[in-house]
């Protein structure tokens, strides 16, 4: 089901659908998504961390992808794509709000 992410800047009403899913669980999602309205592709990362006090951190990070970057990500081993993604800035939404020039957050892999 497409997800509306109004803070993205690809068009007036960004609505993202998953095109390629790399990782998915109830607390973690990593995928390439496409805007249903304008066709822009995005790298999408969602991570939730649960804490002992029953609180949690919710992070969503997205960055625009070119056609060549999509191809490289789709063809690369999982760890191989991070060097490409780590060079980009994107949109970070967390408990503090939205930042538009954020680097990919450091998230433990596992």
PDB file of N, CA and C in Angstrom:
ATOM      1  N   UNK A   1       0.839  -1.176   0.000  1.00  0.00           N
ATOM      2  CA  UNK A   1       0.000   0.000   0.000  1.00  0.00           C
ATOM      3  C   UNK A   1       0.888   1.246   0.000  1.00  0.00           C
ATOM      4  N   UNK A   2       0.666   2.187  -0.898  1.00  0.00           N
ATOM      5  CA  UNK A   2       1.480   3.404  -0.959  1.00  0.00           C
ATOM      6  C   UNK A   2       1.396   4.225   0.328  1.00  0.00           C
ATOM      7  N   UNK A   3       2.498   4.942   0.606  1.00  0.00           N
ATOM      8  CA  UNK A   3       2.595   5.756   1.822  1.00  0.00           C
ATOM      9  C   UNK A   3       2.800   7.215   1.435  1.00  0.00           C
ATOM     10  N   UNK A   4       2.005   8.107   2.008  1.00  0.00           N
ATOM     11  CA  UNK A   4       2.124   9.535   1.745  1.00  0.00           C
ATOM     12  C   UNK A   4       3.221  10.111   2.639  1.00  0.00           C
ATOM     13  N   UNK A   5       4.205  10.753   1.995  1.00  0.00           N
ATOM     14  CA  UNK A   5       5.291  11.415   2.725  1.00  0.00           C
ATOM     15  C   UNK A   5       5.336  12.866   2.264  1.00  0.00           C
ATOM     16  N   UNK A   6       4.508  13.691   2.876  1.00  0.00           N
ATOM     17  CA  UNK A   6       4.287  15.056   2.427  1.00  0.00           C
ATOM     18  C   UNK A   6       5.520  15.942   2.488  1.00  0.00           C
ATOM     19  N   UNK A   7       6.528  15.580   3.250  1.00  0.00           N
ATOM     20  CA  UNK A   7       7.719  16.410   3.382  1.00  0.00           C
ATOM     21  C   UNK A   7       8.723  16.208   2.239  1.00  0.00           C
ATOM     22  N   UNK A   8       8.548  15.213   1.387  1.00  0.00           N
ATOM     23  CA  UNK A   8       9.440  15.032   0.249  1.00  0.00           C
ATOM     24  C   UNK A   8       9.158  16.097  -0.809  1.00  0.00           C
ATOM     25  N   UNK A   9      10.128  16.364  -1.662  1.00  0.00           N
ATOM     26  CA  UNK A   9      10.007  17.489  -2.594  1.00  0.00           C
ATOM     27  C   UNK A   9       9.903  17.096  -4.071  1.00  0.00           C
ATOM     28  N   UNK A  10       9.512  15.867  -4.363  1.00  0.00           N
ATOM     29  CA  UNK A  10       9.465  15.458  -5.769  1.00  0.00           C
ATOM     30  C   UNK A  10       8.240  16.005  -6.498  1.00  0.00           C
ATOM     31  N   UNK A  11       7.163  16.238  -5.792  1.00  0.00           N
ATOM     32  CA  UNK A  11       5.949  16.784  -6.400  1.00  0.00           C
ATOM     33  C   UNK A  11       5.050  17.338  -5.294  1.00  0.00           C
ATOM     34  N   UNK A  12       3.853  17.754  -5.641  1.00  0.00           N
ATOM     35  CA  UNK A  12       2.963  18.361  -4.649  1.00  0.00           C
ATOM     36  C   UNK A  12       2.403  17.363  -3.645  1.00  0.00           C
ATOM     37  N   UNK A  13       2.214  16.109  -4.070  1.00  0.00           N
ATOM     38  CA  UNK A  13       1.637  15.097  -3.188  1.00  0.00           C
ATOM     39  C   UNK A  13       2.403  13.783  -3.278  1.00  0.00           C
ATOM     40  N   UNK A  14       3.620  13.738  -2.714  1.00  0.00           N
ATOM     41  CA  UNK A  14       4.414  12.509  -2.793  1.00  0.00           C
ATOM     42  C   UNK A  14       3.687  11.317  -2.161  1.00  0.00           C
ATOM     43  N   UNK A  15       3.555  10.267  -2.941  1.00  0.00           N
ATOM     44  CA  UNK A  15       2.902   9.032  -2.505  1.00  0.00           C
ATOM     45  C   UNK A  15       3.787   7.888  -2.989  1.00  0.00           C
ATOM     46  N   UNK A  16       4.471   7.212  -2.056  1.00  0.00           N
ATOM     47  CA  UNK A  16       5.482   6.232  -2.425  1.00  0.00           C
ATOM     48  C   UNK A  16       4.979   4.802  -2.345  1.00  0.00           C
ATOM     49  N   UNK A  17       5.310   4.034  -3.389  1.00  0.00           N
ATOM     50  CA  UNK A  17       5.027   2.596  -3.401  1.00  0.00           C
ATOM     51  C   UNK A  17       6.347   1.852  -3.504  1.00  0.00           C
ATOM     52  N   UNK A  18       6.415   0.675  -2.916  1.00  0.00           N
ATOM     53  CA  UNK A  18       7.635  -0.127  -2.927  1.00  0.00           C
ATOM     54  C   UNK A  18       7.840  -0.770  -4.284  1.00  0.00           C
ATOM     55  N   UNK A  19       9.063  -0.627  -4.805  1.00  0.00           N
ATOM     56  CA  UNK A  19       9.446  -1.233  -6.077  1.00  0.00           C
ATOM     57  C   UNK A  19      10.367  -2.427  -5.823  1.00  0.00           C
ATOM     58  N   UNK A  20      11.386  -2.228  -4.972  1.00  0.00           N
ATOM     59  CA  UNK A  20      12.312  -3.298  -4.586  1.00  0.00           C
ATOM     60  C   UNK A  20      12.434  -3.278  -3.069  1.00  0.00           C
ATOM     61  N   UNK A  21      12.263  -4.416  -2.442  1.00  0.00           N
ATOM     62  CA  UNK A  21      12.396  -4.514  -0.984  1.00  0.00           C
ATOM     63  C   UNK A  21      13.674  -5.276  -0.663  1.00  0.00           C
ATOM     64  N   UNK A  22      14.573  -4.610   0.085  1.00  0.00           N
ATOM     65  CA  UNK A  22      15.816  -5.251   0.501  1.00  0.00           C
ATOM     66  C   UNK A  22      15.666  -5.931   1.853  1.00  0.00           C
ATOM     67  N   UNK A  23      14.965  -5.267   2.742  1.00  0.00           N
ATOM     68  CA  UNK A  23      14.809  -5.781   4.103  1.00  0.00           C
ATOM     69  C   UNK A  23      13.471  -5.297   4.629  1.00  0.00           C
ATOM     70  N   UNK A  24      12.785  -6.158   5.374  1.00  0.00           N
ATOM     71  CA  UNK A  24      11.488  -5.780   5.910  1.00  0.00           C
ATOM     72  C   UNK A  24      11.211  -6.563   7.186  1.00  0.00           C
ATOM     73  N   UNK A  25      10.802  -5.858   8.224  1.00  0.00           N
ATOM     74  CA  UNK A  25      10.321  -6.470   9.467  1.00  0.00           C
ATOM     75  C   UNK A  25       9.404  -5.450  10.124  1.00  0.00           C
ATOM     76  N   UNK A  26       8.885  -5.792  11.270  1.00  0.00           N
ATOM     77  CA  UNK A  26       7.979  -4.858  11.944  1.00  0.00           C
ATOM     78  C   UNK A  26       8.705  -3.613  12.447  1.00  0.00           C
ATOM     79  N   UNK A  27      10.048  -3.673  12.573  1.00  0.00           N
ATOM     80  CA  UNK A  27      10.809  -2.534  13.092  1.00  0.00           C
ATOM     81  C   UNK A  27      11.826  -1.974  12.107  1.00  0.00           C
ATOM     82  N   UNK A  28      11.914  -2.568  10.930  1.00  0.00           N
ATOM     83  CA  UNK A  28      12.942  -2.139   9.994  1.00  0.00           C
ATOM     84  C   UNK A  28      12.508  -2.390   8.556  1.00  0.00           C
ATOM     85  N   UNK A  29      12.649  -1.378   7.731  1.00  0.00           N
ATOM     86  CA  UNK A  29      12.339  -1.516   6.311  1.00  0.00           C
ATOM     87  C   UNK A  29      13.413  -0.786   5.523  1.00  0.00           C
ATOM     88  N   UNK A  30      13.877  -1.433   4.471  1.00  0.00           N
ATOM     89  CA  UNK A  30      14.840  -0.822   3.571  1.00  0.00           C
ATOM     90  C   UNK A  30      14.403  -1.185   2.159  1.00  0.00           C
ATOM     91  N   UNK A  31      14.173  -0.160   1.324  1.00  0.00           N
ATOM     92  CA  UNK A  31      13.621  -0.442   0.001  1.00  0.00           C
ATOM     93  C   UNK A  31      13.890   0.691  -0.979  1.00  0.00           C
ATOM     94  N   UNK A  32      13.595   0.420  -2.237  1.00  0.00           N
ATOM     95  CA  UNK A  32      13.515   1.473  -3.250  1.00  0.00           C
ATOM     96  C   UNK A  32      12.033   1.682  -3.487  1.00  0.00           C
ATOM     97  N   UNK A  33      11.632   2.942  -3.429  1.00  0.00           N
ATOM     98  CA  UNK A  33      10.225   3.286  -3.631  1.00  0.00           C
ATOM     99  C   UNK A  33      10.093   4.288  -4.764  1.00  0.00           C
ATOM    100  N   UNK A  34       8.920   4.309  -5.369  1.00  0.00           N
ATOM    101  CA  UNK A  34       8.636   5.204  -6.497  1.00  0.00           C
ATOM    102  C   UNK A  34       7.405   6.029  -6.169  1.00  0.00           C
ATOM    103  N   UNK A  35       7.464   7.325  -6.493  1.00  0.00           N
ATOM    104  CA  UNK A  35       6.308   8.193  -6.287  1.00  0.00           C
ATOM    105  C   UNK A  35       5.242   7.854  -7.327  1.00  0.00           C
ATOM    106  N   UNK A  36       4.054   7.568  -6.872  1.00  0.00           N
ATOM    107  CA  UNK A  36       2.937   7.209  -7.756  1.00  0.00           C
ATOM    108  C   UNK A  36       2.515   8.380  -8.642  1.00  0.00           C
ATOM    109  N   UNK A  37       2.803   9.614  -8.234  1.00  0.00           N
ATOM    110  CA  UNK A  37       2.361  10.785  -8.983  1.00  0.00           C
ATOM    111  C   UNK A  37       3.377  11.262 -10.017  1.00  0.00           C
ATOM    112  N   UNK A  38       4.668  11.304  -9.648  1.00  0.00           N
ATOM    113  CA  UNK A  38       5.666  11.881 -10.563  1.00  0.00           C
ATOM    114  C   UNK A  38       6.696  10.879 -11.068  1.00  0.00           C
ATOM    115  N   UNK A  39       6.783   9.698 -10.450  1.00  0.00           N
ATOM    116  CA  UNK A  39       7.718   8.670 -10.906  1.00  0.00           C
ATOM    117  C   UNK A  39       9.110   8.745 -10.310  1.00  0.00           C
ATOM    118  N   UNK A  40       9.405   9.742  -9.454  1.00  0.00           N
ATOM    119  CA  UNK A  40      10.732   9.841  -8.820  1.00  0.00           C
ATOM    120  C   UNK A  40      10.970   8.616  -7.937  1.00  0.00           C
ATOM    121  N   UNK A  41      12.192   8.077  -8.004  1.00  0.00           N
ATOM    122  CA  UNK A  41      12.562   6.936  -7.164  1.00  0.00           C
ATOM    123  C   UNK A  41      13.313   7.424  -5.928  1.00  0.00           C
ATOM    124  N   UNK A  42      13.086   6.735  -4.824  1.00  0.00           N
ATOM    125  CA  UNK A  42      13.670   7.075  -3.534  1.00  0.00           C
ATOM    126  C   UNK A  42      14.238   5.823  -2.871  1.00  0.00           C
ATOM    127  N   UNK A  43      15.381   5.983  -2.200  1.00  0.00           N
ATOM    128  CA  UNK A  43      15.855   4.975  -1.253  1.00  0.00           C
ATOM    129  C   UNK A  43      15.123   5.279   0.047  1.00  0.00           C
ATOM    130  N   UNK A  44      14.515   4.271   0.662  1.00  0.00           N
ATOM    131  CA  UNK A  44      13.663   4.463   1.841  1.00  0.00           C
ATOM    132  C   UNK A  44      14.190   3.577   2.964  1.00  0.00           C
ATOM    133  N   UNK A  45      14.424   4.178   4.127  1.00  0.00           N
ATOM    134  CA  UNK A  45      14.885   3.442   5.296  1.00  0.00           C
ATOM    135  C   UNK A  45      14.012   3.810   6.481  1.00  0.00           C
ATOM    136  N   UNK A  46      13.437   2.811   7.123  1.00  0.00           N
ATOM    137  CA  UNK A  46      12.656   3.011   8.342  1.00  0.00           C
ATOM    138  C   UNK A  46      13.288   2.158   9.424  1.00  0.00           C
ATOM    139  N   UNK A  47      13.470   2.745  10.600  1.00  0.00           N
ATOM    140  CA  UNK A  47      14.032   1.993  11.720  1.00  0.00           C
ATOM    141  C   UNK A  47      13.339   2.424  13.007  1.00  0.00           C
ATOM    142  N   UNK A  48      12.899   1.447  13.784  1.00  0.00           N
ATOM    143  CA  UNK A  48      12.320   1.703  15.104  1.00  0.00           C
ATOM    144  C   UNK A  48      13.158   0.971  16.139  1.00  0.00           C
ATOM    145  N   UNK A  49      13.523   1.685  17.185  1.00  0.00           N
ATOM    146  CA  UNK A  49      14.262   1.099  18.297  1.00  0.00           C
ATOM    147  C   UNK A  49      13.357   1.079  19.517  1.00  0.00           C
ATOM    148  N   UNK A  50      13.203  -0.071  20.120  1.00  0.00           N
ATOM    149  CA  UNK A  50      12.396  -0.216  21.337  1.00  0.00           C
ATOM    150  C   UNK A  50      13.305  -0.106  22.554  1.00  0.00           C
ATOM    151  N   UNK A  51      12.825   0.568  23.592  1.00  0.00           N
ATOM    152  CA  UNK A  51      13.602   0.755  24.805  1.00  0.00           C
ATOM    153  C   UNK A  51      12.928   0.030  25.970  1.00  0.00           C
ATOM    154  N   UNK A  52      13.683  -0.181  27.035  1.00  0.00           N
ATOM    155  CA  UNK A  52      13.163  -0.913  28.190  1.00  0.00           C
ATOM    156  C   UNK A  52      11.966  -0.228  28.838  1.00  0.00           C
ATOM    157  N   UNK A  53      11.869   1.085  28.725  1.00  0.00           N
ATOM    158  CA  UNK A  53      10.752   1.800  29.344  1.00  0.00           C
ATOM    159  C   UNK A  53       9.507   1.825  28.448  1.00  0.00           C
ATOM    160  N   UNK A  54       9.500   0.995  27.416  1.00  0.00           N
ATOM    161  CA  UNK A  54       8.379   0.849  26.475  1.00  0.00           C
ATOM    162  C   UNK A  54       8.268   2.012  25.485  1.00  0.00           C
ATOM    163  N   UNK A  55       9.229   2.935  25.514  1.00  0.00           N
ATOM    164  CA  UNK A  55       9.244   3.992  24.509  1.00  0.00           C
ATOM    165  C   UNK A  55      10.012   3.484  23.285  1.00  0.00           C
ATOM    166  N   UNK A  56       9.916   4.223  22.186  1.00  0.00           N
ATOM    167  CA  UNK A  56      10.683   3.829  21.008  1.00  0.00           C
ATOM    168  C   UNK A  56      11.041   5.047  20.172  1.00  0.00           C
ATOM    169  N   UNK A  57      12.100   4.898  19.392  1.00  0.00           N
ATOM    170  CA  UNK A  57      12.530   5.911  18.435  1.00  0.00           C
ATOM    171  C   UNK A  57      12.082   5.457  17.060  1.00  0.00           C
ATOM    172  N   UNK A  58      11.552   6.375  16.283  1.00  0.00           N
ATOM    173  CA  UNK A  58      11.046   6.084  14.940  1.00  0.00           C
ATOM    174  C   UNK A  58      11.796   6.999  13.967  1.00  0.00           C
ATOM    175  N   UNK A  59      12.552   6.406  13.038  1.00  0.00           N
ATOM    176  CA  UNK A  59      13.341   7.169  12.079  1.00  0.00           C
ATOM    177  C   UNK A  59      12.959   6.748  10.667  1.00  0.00           C
ATOM    178  N   UNK A  60      12.708   7.726   9.803  1.00  0.00           N
ATOM    179  CA  UNK A  60      12.528   7.477   8.372  1.00  0.00           C
ATOM    180  C   UNK A  60      13.517   8.372   7.640  1.00  0.00           C
ATOM    181  N   UNK A  61      14.317   7.769   6.751  1.00  0.00           N
ATOM    182  CA  UNK A  61      15.262   8.535   5.948  1.00  0.00           C
ATOM    183  C   UNK A  61      15.056   8.180   4.489  1.00  0.00           C
ATOM    184  N   UNK A  62      14.953   9.198   3.626  1.00  0.00           N
ATOM    185  CA  UNK A  62      14.751   9.004   2.184  1.00  0.00           C
ATOM    186  C   UNK A  62      15.717   9.882   1.411  1.00  0.00           C
ATOM    187  N   UNK A  63      16.243   9.352   0.302  1.00  0.00           N
ATOM    188  CA  UNK A  63      17.032  10.173  -0.611  1.00  0.00           C
ATOM    189  C   UNK A  63      16.655   9.826  -2.049  1.00  0.00           C
ATOM    190  N   UNK A  64      16.721  10.834  -2.921  1.00  0.00           N
ATOM    191  CA  UNK A  64      16.413  10.647  -4.348  1.00  0.00           C
ATOM    192  C   UNK A  64      17.436   9.723  -4.992  1.00  0.00           C
ATOM    193  N   UNK A  65      16.976   8.946  -5.950  1.00  0.00           N
ATOM    194  CA  UNK A  65      17.861   8.057  -6.698  1.00  0.00           C
ATOM    195  C   UNK A  65      17.786   8.342  -8.189  1.00  0.00           C
ATOM    196  N   UNK A  66      18.933   8.223  -8.844  1.00  0.00           N
ATOM    197  CA  UNK A  66      18.965   8.302 -10.298  1.00  0.00           C
ATOM    198  C   UNK A  66      18.732   6.897 -10.851  1.00  0.00           C
ATOM    199  N   UNK A  67      18.507   6.798 -12.139  1.00  0.00           N
ATOM    200  CA  UNK A  67      18.320   5.491 -12.779  1.00  0.00           C
ATOM    201  C   UNK A  67      19.558   4.625 -12.582  1.00  0.00           C
ATOM    202  N   UNK A  68      20.747   5.208 -12.714  1.00  0.00           N
ATOM    203  CA  UNK A  68      21.994   4.456 -12.535  1.00  0.00           C
ATOM    204  C   UNK A  68      22.132   3.969 -11.092  1.00  0.00           C
ATOM    205  N   UNK A  69      21.781   4.801 -10.122  1.00  0.00           N
ATOM    206  CA  UNK A  69      21.858   4.385  -8.717  1.00  0.00           C
ATOM    207  C   UNK A  69      20.888   3.245  -8.424  1.00  0.00           C
ATOM    208  N   UNK A  70      19.721   3.287  -9.021  1.00  0.00           N
ATOM    209  CA  UNK A  70      18.752   2.198  -8.833  1.00  0.00           C
ATOM    210  C   UNK A  70      19.350   0.896  -9.345  1.00  0.00           C
ATOM    211  N   UNK A  71      19.956   0.943 -10.523  1.00  0.00           N
ATOM    212  CA  UNK A  71      20.572  -0.249 -11.106  1.00  0.00           C
ATOM    213  C   UNK A  71      21.688  -0.787 -10.201  1.00  0.00           C
ATOM    214  N   UNK A  72      22.555   0.108  -9.726  1.00  0.00           N
ATOM    215  CA  UNK A  72      23.651  -0.314  -8.856  1.00  0.00           C
ATOM    216  C   UNK A  72      23.139  -0.940  -7.561  1.00  0.00           C
ATOM    217  N   UNK A  73      22.144  -0.335  -6.960  1.00  0.00           N
ATOM    218  CA  UNK A  73      21.582  -0.876  -5.720  1.00  0.00           C
ATOM    219  C   UNK A  73      20.914  -2.227  -5.947  1.00  0.00           C
ATOM    220  N   UNK A  74      20.190  -2.351  -7.037  1.00  0.00           N
ATOM    221  CA  UNK A  74      19.482  -3.599  -7.326  1.00  0.00           C
ATOM    222  C   UNK A  74      20.459  -4.738  -7.618  1.00  0.00           C
ATOM    223  N   UNK A  75      21.621  -4.418  -8.188  1.00  0.00           N
ATOM    224  CA  UNK A  75      22.594  -5.439  -8.582  1.00  0.00           C
ATOM    225  C   UNK A  75      23.663  -5.727  -7.538  1.00  0.00           C
ATOM    226  N   UNK A  76      23.772  -4.898  -6.506  1.00  0.00           N
ATOM    227  CA  UNK A  76      24.884  -5.036  -5.565  1.00  0.00           C
ATOM    228  C   UNK A  76      24.528  -5.933  -4.391  1.00  0.00           C
ATOM    229  N   UNK A  77      25.561  -6.528  -3.782  1.00  0.00           N
ATOM    230  CA  UNK A  77      25.321  -7.238  -2.517  1.00  0.00           C
ATOM    231  C   UNK A  77      24.857  -6.232  -1.476  1.00  0.00           C
ATOM    232  N   UNK A  78      24.141  -6.667  -0.481  1.00  0.00           N
ATOM    233  CA  UNK A  78      23.539  -5.754   0.500  1.00  0.00           C
ATOM    234  C   UNK A  78      24.523  -4.752   1.081  1.00  0.00           C
ATOM    235  N   UNK A  79      25.662  -5.190   1.580  1.00  0.00           N
ATOM    236  CA  UNK A  79      26.598  -4.253   2.205  1.00  0.00           C
ATOM    237  C   UNK A  79      27.251  -3.338   1.182  1.00  0.00           C
ATOM    238  N   UNK A  80      27.291  -3.734  -0.080  1.00  0.00           N
ATOM    239  CA  UNK A  80      27.926  -2.944  -1.115  1.00  0.00           C
ATOM    240  C   UNK A  80      27.218  -1.650  -1.428  1.00  0.00           C
ATOM    241  N   UNK A  81      25.937  -1.572  -1.147  1.00  0.00           N
ATOM    242  CA  UNK A  81      25.178  -0.368  -1.505  1.00  0.00           C
ATOM    243  C   UNK A  81      25.394   0.769  -0.531  1.00  0.00           C
ATOM    244  N   UNK A  82      25.849   0.508   0.673  1.00  0.00           N
ATOM    245  CA  UNK A  82      25.927   1.568   1.663  1.00  0.00           C
ATOM    246  C   UNK A  82      26.940   2.641   1.306  1.00  0.00           C
ATOM    247  N   UNK A  83      28.025   2.290   0.620  1.00  0.00           N
ATOM    248  CA  UNK A  83      28.994   3.319   0.240  1.00  0.00           C
ATOM    249  C   UNK A  83      28.353   4.322  -0.718  1.00  0.00           C
ATOM    250  N   UNK A  84      27.493   3.872  -1.604  1.00  0.00           N
ATOM    251  CA  UNK A  84      26.776   4.774  -2.512  1.00  0.00           C
ATOM    252  C   UNK A  84      25.792   5.647  -1.729  1.00  0.00           C
ATOM    253  N   UNK A  85      25.001   5.035  -0.887  1.00  0.00           N
ATOM    254  CA  UNK A  85      23.968   5.751  -0.133  1.00  0.00           C
ATOM    255  C   UNK A  85      24.577   6.708   0.890  1.00  0.00           C
ATOM    256  N   UNK A  86      25.685   6.308   1.510  1.00  0.00           N
ATOM    257  CA  UNK A  86      26.299   7.145   2.544  1.00  0.00           C
ATOM    258  C   UNK A  86      26.827   8.477   2.009  1.00  0.00           C
ATOM    259  N   UNK A  87      27.014   8.606   0.704  1.00  0.00           N
ATOM    260  CA  UNK A  87      27.493   9.850   0.104  1.00  0.00           C
ATOM    261  C   UNK A  87      26.371  10.861  -0.117  1.00  0.00           C
ATOM    262  N   UNK A  88      25.136  10.429   0.009  1.00  0.00           N
ATOM    263  CA  UNK A  88      23.988  11.268  -0.331  1.00  0.00           C
ATOM    264  C   UNK A  88      23.382  11.935   0.908  1.00  0.00           C
ATOM    265  N   UNK A  89      22.714  13.059   0.666  1.00  0.00           N
ATOM    266  CA  UNK A  89      21.903  13.654   1.716  1.00  0.00           C
ATOM    267  C   UNK A  89      20.441  13.422   1.346  1.00  0.00           C
ATOM    268  N   UNK A  90      19.612  13.441   2.357  1.00  0.00           N
ATOM    269  CA  UNK A  90      18.196  13.189   2.117  1.00  0.00           C
ATOM    270  C   UNK A  90      17.346  13.800   3.206  1.00  0.00           C
ATOM    271  N   UNK A  91      16.131  13.317   3.287  1.00  0.00           N
ATOM    272  CA  UNK A  91      15.147  13.791   4.254  1.00  0.00           C
ATOM    273  C   UNK A  91      15.110  12.832   5.435  1.00  0.00           C
ATOM    274  N   UNK A  92      15.282  13.359   6.634  1.00  0.00           N
ATOM    275  CA  UNK A  92      15.242  12.557   7.852  1.00  0.00           C
ATOM    276  C   UNK A  92      14.070  13.021   8.699  1.00  0.00           C
ATOM    277  N   UNK A  93      13.163  12.088   9.009  1.00  0.00           N
ATOM    278  CA  UNK A  93      12.044  12.379   9.916  1.00  0.00           C
ATOM    279  C   UNK A  93      12.231  11.534  11.164  1.00  0.00           C
ATOM    280  N   UNK A  94      12.251  12.187  12.304  1.00  0.00           N
ATOM    281  CA  UNK A  94      12.353  11.478  13.573  1.00  0.00           C
ATOM    282  C   UNK A  94      11.519  12.211  14.610  1.00  0.00           C
ATOM    283  N   UNK A  95      11.735  11.903  15.878  1.00  0.00           N
ATOM    284  CA  UNK A  95      10.947  12.516  16.946  1.00  0.00           C
ATOM    285  C   UNK A  95      11.156  14.028  17.051  1.00  0.00           C
ATOM    286  N   UNK A  96      12.228  14.548  16.458  1.00  0.00           N
ATOM    287  CA  UNK A  96      12.519  15.973  16.506  1.00  0.00           C
ATOM    288  C   UNK A  96      11.938  16.739  15.321  1.00  0.00           C
ATOM    289  N   UNK A  97      11.376  16.043  14.343  1.00  0.00           N
ATOM    290  CA  UNK A  97      10.814  16.705  13.175  1.00  0.00           C
ATOM    291  C   UNK A  97      11.447  16.199  11.887  1.00  0.00           C
ATOM    292  N   UNK A  98      11.546  17.093  10.882  1.00  0.00           N
ATOM    293  CA  UNK A  98      12.086  16.734   9.572  1.00  0.00           C
ATOM    294  C   UNK A  98      13.291  17.612   9.275  1.00  0.00           C
ATOM    295  N   UNK A  99      14.375  16.982   8.827  1.00  0.00           N
ATOM    296  CA  UNK A  99      15.555  17.702   8.349  1.00  0.00           C
ATOM    297  C   UNK A  99      15.739  17.356   6.876  1.00  0.00           C
ATOM    298  N   UNK A 100      16.106  18.353   6.079  1.00  0.00           N
ATOM    299  CA  UNK A 100      16.140  18.143   4.632  1.00  0.00           C
ATOM    300  C   UNK A 100      17.530  17.903   4.065  1.00  0.00           C
ATOM    301  N   UNK A 101      18.567  18.014   4.871  1.00  0.00           N
ATOM    302  CA  UNK A 101      19.921  17.816   4.350  1.00  0.00           C
ATOM    303  C   UNK A 101      20.698  16.827   5.208  1.00  0.00           C
ATOM    304  N   UNK A 102      20.034  15.780   5.629  1.00  0.00           N
ATOM    305  CA  UNK A 102      20.607  14.815   6.558  1.00  0.00           C
ATOM    306  C   UNK A 102      21.295  13.658   5.827  1.00  0.00           C
ATOM    307  N   UNK A 103      22.378  13.181   6.396  1.00  0.00           N
ATOM    308  CA  UNK A 103      23.037  11.974   5.925  1.00  0.00           C
ATOM    309  C   UNK A 103      22.292  10.754   6.466  1.00  0.00           C
ATOM    310  N   UNK A 104      22.522   9.609   5.833  1.00  0.00           N
ATOM    311  CA  UNK A 104      21.902   8.353   6.288  1.00  0.00           C
ATOM    312  C   UNK A 104      22.285   8.116   7.748  1.00  0.00           C
ATOM    313  N   UNK A 105      21.310   7.875   8.613  1.00  0.00           N
ATOM    314  CA  UNK A 105      21.630   7.657  10.026  1.00  0.00           C
ATOM    315  C   UNK A 105      22.383   6.352  10.226  1.00  0.00           C
ATOM    316  N   UNK A 106      23.260   6.334  11.229  1.00  0.00           N
ATOM    317  CA  UNK A 106      23.982   5.116  11.572  1.00  0.00           C
ATOM    318  C   UNK A 106      23.040   4.206  12.340  1.00  0.00           C
ATOM    319  N   UNK A 107      22.707   3.083  11.726  1.00  0.00           N
ATOM    320  CA  UNK A 107      21.776   2.132  12.326  1.00  0.00           C
ATOM    321  C   UNK A 107      22.479   0.793  12.417  1.00  0.00           C
ATOM    322  N   UNK A 108      22.478   0.183  13.601  1.00  0.00           N
ATOM    323  CA  UNK A 108      23.128  -1.119  13.728  1.00  0.00           C
ATOM    324  C   UNK A 108      22.532  -2.130  12.763  1.00  0.00           C
ATOM    325  N   UNK A 109      23.370  -2.855  12.055  1.00  0.00           N
ATOM    326  CA  UNK A 109      22.914  -3.890  11.144  1.00  0.00           C
ATOM    327  C   UNK A 109      22.849  -5.213  11.896  1.00  0.00           C
ATOM    328  N   UNK A 110      21.810  -5.963  11.627  1.00  0.00           N
ATOM    329  CA  UNK A 110      21.754  -7.231  12.322  1.00  0.00           C
ATOM    330  C   UNK A 110      20.481  -7.888  12.227  1.00  0.00           C
TER     331      UNK A 110
END
